[in-house]
Amino acid sequence: MSDTNNLVPCNMFATPNSVENLQEYLSRFSGSEAAVATTCAMMAWNLACKLTSKSESETPQGADQPTE
């Protein structure tokens, strides 16, 4: 694997300027929509962390791992 990971953004969606901006956007949802939006956003965050970390030990491990 190379020393750098170049993740390419999907231009179909806006990119928040900060974590706070993302959290503010997520706070606009309510009920089950809020739960789904937050779950998907944080799963994407963890995937980005995994793809850009230098070692497996730097990747956070959650109790609920999605099946492949």
Protein backbone atom coordinates (compact mmCIF):
# COMPACT_ATOMS: atom_id res chain seq x y z
CA MET A 1 0.00 0.00 0.00
CA SER A 2 1.22 3.51 -0.70
CA ASP A 3 2.05 6.07 1.99
CA THR A 4 -0.81 8.29 0.89
CA ASN A 5 -4.50 7.62 0.44
CA ASN A 6 -6.36 9.87 -1.92
CA LEU A 7 -10.05 9.72 -1.20
CA VAL A 8 -12.12 11.27 -3.97
CA PRO A 9 -15.22 13.15 -2.80
CA CYS A 10 -18.60 12.35 -4.32
CA ASN A 11 -19.77 15.58 -5.92
CA MET A 12 -23.41 14.53 -5.57
CA PHE A 13 -23.28 15.58 -1.89
CA ALA A 14 -22.12 18.71 -0.10
CA THR A 15 -18.98 18.56 2.03
CA PRO A 16 -19.30 20.12 5.49
CA ASN A 17 -16.63 22.62 6.50
CA SER A 18 -16.17 21.08 9.96
CA VAL A 19 -17.37 18.32 12.26
CA GLU A 20 -19.52 20.93 14.00
CA ASN A 21 -21.12 21.83 10.65
CA LEU A 22 -21.89 18.14 10.04
CA GLN A 23 -23.38 17.77 13.53
CA GLU A 24 -25.53 20.87 13.01
CA TYR A 25 -26.87 19.43 9.76
CA LEU A 26 -27.60 16.08 11.42
CA SER A 27 -29.49 17.87 14.21
CA ARG A 28 -32.12 18.95 11.64
CA PHE A 29 -33.44 15.39 11.52
CA SER A 30 -35.73 13.92 14.17
CA GLY A 31 -36.86 10.52 15.37
CA SER A 32 -35.84 7.49 13.36
CA GLU A 33 -34.56 9.72 10.54
CA ALA A 34 -32.05 11.25 12.98
CA ALA A 35 -30.91 7.81 14.10
CA VAL A 36 -30.42 6.59 10.52
CA ALA A 37 -28.69 9.81 9.36
CA THR A 38 -26.30 9.82 12.33
CA THR A 39 -25.55 6.10 12.01
CA CYS A 40 -24.73 6.39 8.30
CA ALA A 41 -22.65 9.56 8.79
CA MET A 42 -20.59 7.99 11.58
CA MET A 43 -20.15 4.72 9.67
CA ALA A 44 -18.81 6.77 6.74
CA TRP A 45 -16.53 8.65 9.17
CA ASN A 46 -15.17 5.36 10.55
CA LEU A 47 -14.64 4.03 7.03
CA ALA A 48 -12.66 7.17 6.12
CA CYS A 49 -10.59 6.70 9.30
CA LYS A 50 -9.92 3.07 8.39
CA LEU A 51 -8.98 3.91 4.80
CA THR A 52 -6.58 6.66 5.84
CA SER A 53 -5.01 5.11 8.95
CA LYS A 54 -1.51 3.72 8.71
CA SER A 55 -2.22 0.64 10.79
CA GLU A 56 -5.16 -1.47 11.85
CA SER A 57 -4.53 -0.55 15.50
CA GLU A 58 -5.45 3.07 14.76
CA THR A 59 -8.90 2.06 13.51
CA PRO A 60 -11.69 2.36 16.13
CA GLN A 61 -13.58 -0.86 16.74
CA GLY A 62 -17.30 -0.72 17.40
CA ALA A 63 -19.44 -3.30 19.11
CA ASP A 64 -21.68 -3.63 16.07
CA GLN A 65 -19.77 -4.39 12.90
CA PRO A 66 -21.78 -4.60 9.67
CA THR A 67 -21.66 -7.94 7.90
CA GLU A 68 -19.83 -8.07 4.62
